[in-house]
Amino acid sequence: MTNAPEERPGISQGRYVPPPFRWQQHTAADNDVIRARQRIRSIIMALLLGSFVILVFAISIVKIKAGHG
């Protein structure tokens, strides 16, 4: 077996391999906007989860009082 490049199977094995994705560099202003969006999303998620917990707790209290629990 020779070490000629055309004889060795590569990663692509004859298929098209797209170039690697390059993330764009963010500026400090971009990072501030991203952090603000993440903060808002986390606050909304916390409020939704908290309201779900309160709803489940209220339903369980009502079921216990009704005698179905």
Protein backbone atom coordinates (compact mmCIF):
# COMPACT_ATOMS: atom_id res chain seq x y z
CA MET A 1 0.00 0.00 0.00
CA THR A 2 1.36 3.38 -0.93
CA ASN A 3 0.86 6.61 0.90
CA ALA A 4 -0.28 8.53 -2.15
CA PRO A 5 -3.02 11.03 -1.18
CA GLU A 6 -5.38 9.88 -3.93
CA GLU A 7 -5.34 6.30 -2.64
CA ARG A 8 -5.97 7.01 1.04
CA PRO A 9 -9.61 7.50 1.98
CA GLY A 10 -10.11 10.89 3.56
CA ILE A 11 -12.81 12.25 5.80
CA SER A 12 -14.97 13.17 2.83
CA GLN A 13 -14.55 9.81 1.05
CA GLY A 14 -15.31 11.49 -2.25
CA ARG A 15 -18.33 13.44 -0.96
CA TYR A 16 -18.68 17.21 -0.81
CA VAL A 17 -17.61 18.61 2.54
CA PRO A 18 -18.68 22.20 3.19
CA PRO A 19 -16.13 24.58 4.64
CA PRO A 20 -16.15 24.91 8.44
CA PHE A 21 -18.55 27.48 9.86
CA ARG A 22 -16.87 30.63 11.11
CA TRP A 23 -18.64 32.46 13.94
CA GLN A 24 -18.56 36.18 13.50
CA GLN A 25 -16.82 38.21 16.14
CA HIS A 26 -19.13 40.22 18.39
CA THR A 27 -18.41 43.71 19.56
CA ALA A 28 -18.99 44.89 23.11
CA ALA A 29 -22.25 46.54 22.04
CA ASP A 30 -23.43 43.26 20.48
CA ASN A 31 -22.58 41.42 23.69
CA ASP A 32 -24.61 43.92 25.72
CA VAL A 33 -27.64 43.43 23.48
CA ILE A 34 -27.29 39.64 23.67
CA ARG A 35 -27.00 39.73 27.46
CA ALA A 36 -30.07 41.98 27.74
CA ARG A 37 -32.11 39.58 25.60
CA GLN A 38 -30.92 36.61 27.66
CA ARG A 39 -31.84 38.43 30.87
CA ILE A 40 -35.35 39.20 29.60
CA ARG A 41 -35.83 35.60 28.45
CA SER A 42 -34.69 34.24 31.79
CA ILE A 43 -37.06 36.56 33.68
CA ILE A 44 -39.98 35.49 31.48
CA MET A 45 -39.11 31.81 31.94
CA ALA A 46 -38.87 32.24 35.71
CA LEU A 47 -42.28 33.92 35.81
CA LEU A 48 -43.84 31.18 33.67
CA LEU A 49 -42.36 28.41 35.78
CA GLY A 50 -43.39 30.14 39.00
CA SER A 51 -46.95 30.58 37.79
CA PHE A 52 -47.06 26.91 36.76
CA VAL A 53 -45.94 25.85 40.26
CA ILE A 54 -48.61 28.07 41.84
CA LEU A 55 -51.25 26.65 39.48
CA VAL A 56 -50.33 23.04 40.33
CA PHE A 57 -50.30 23.87 44.04
CA ALA A 58 -53.72 25.56 43.81
CA ILE A 59 -55.20 22.62 41.89
CA SER A 60 -53.88 20.16 44.46
CA ILE A 61 -55.33 22.23 47.34
CA VAL A 62 -58.73 22.36 45.63
CA LYS A 63 -58.67 18.60 44.97
CA ILE A 64 -57.74 17.85 48.58
CA LYS A 65 -60.54 20.06 49.88
CA ALA A 66 -63.01 18.41 47.50
CA GLY A 67 -61.97 14.95 48.74
CA HIS A 68 -60.55 13.61 45.49
CA GLY A 69 -56.98 13.35 46.63
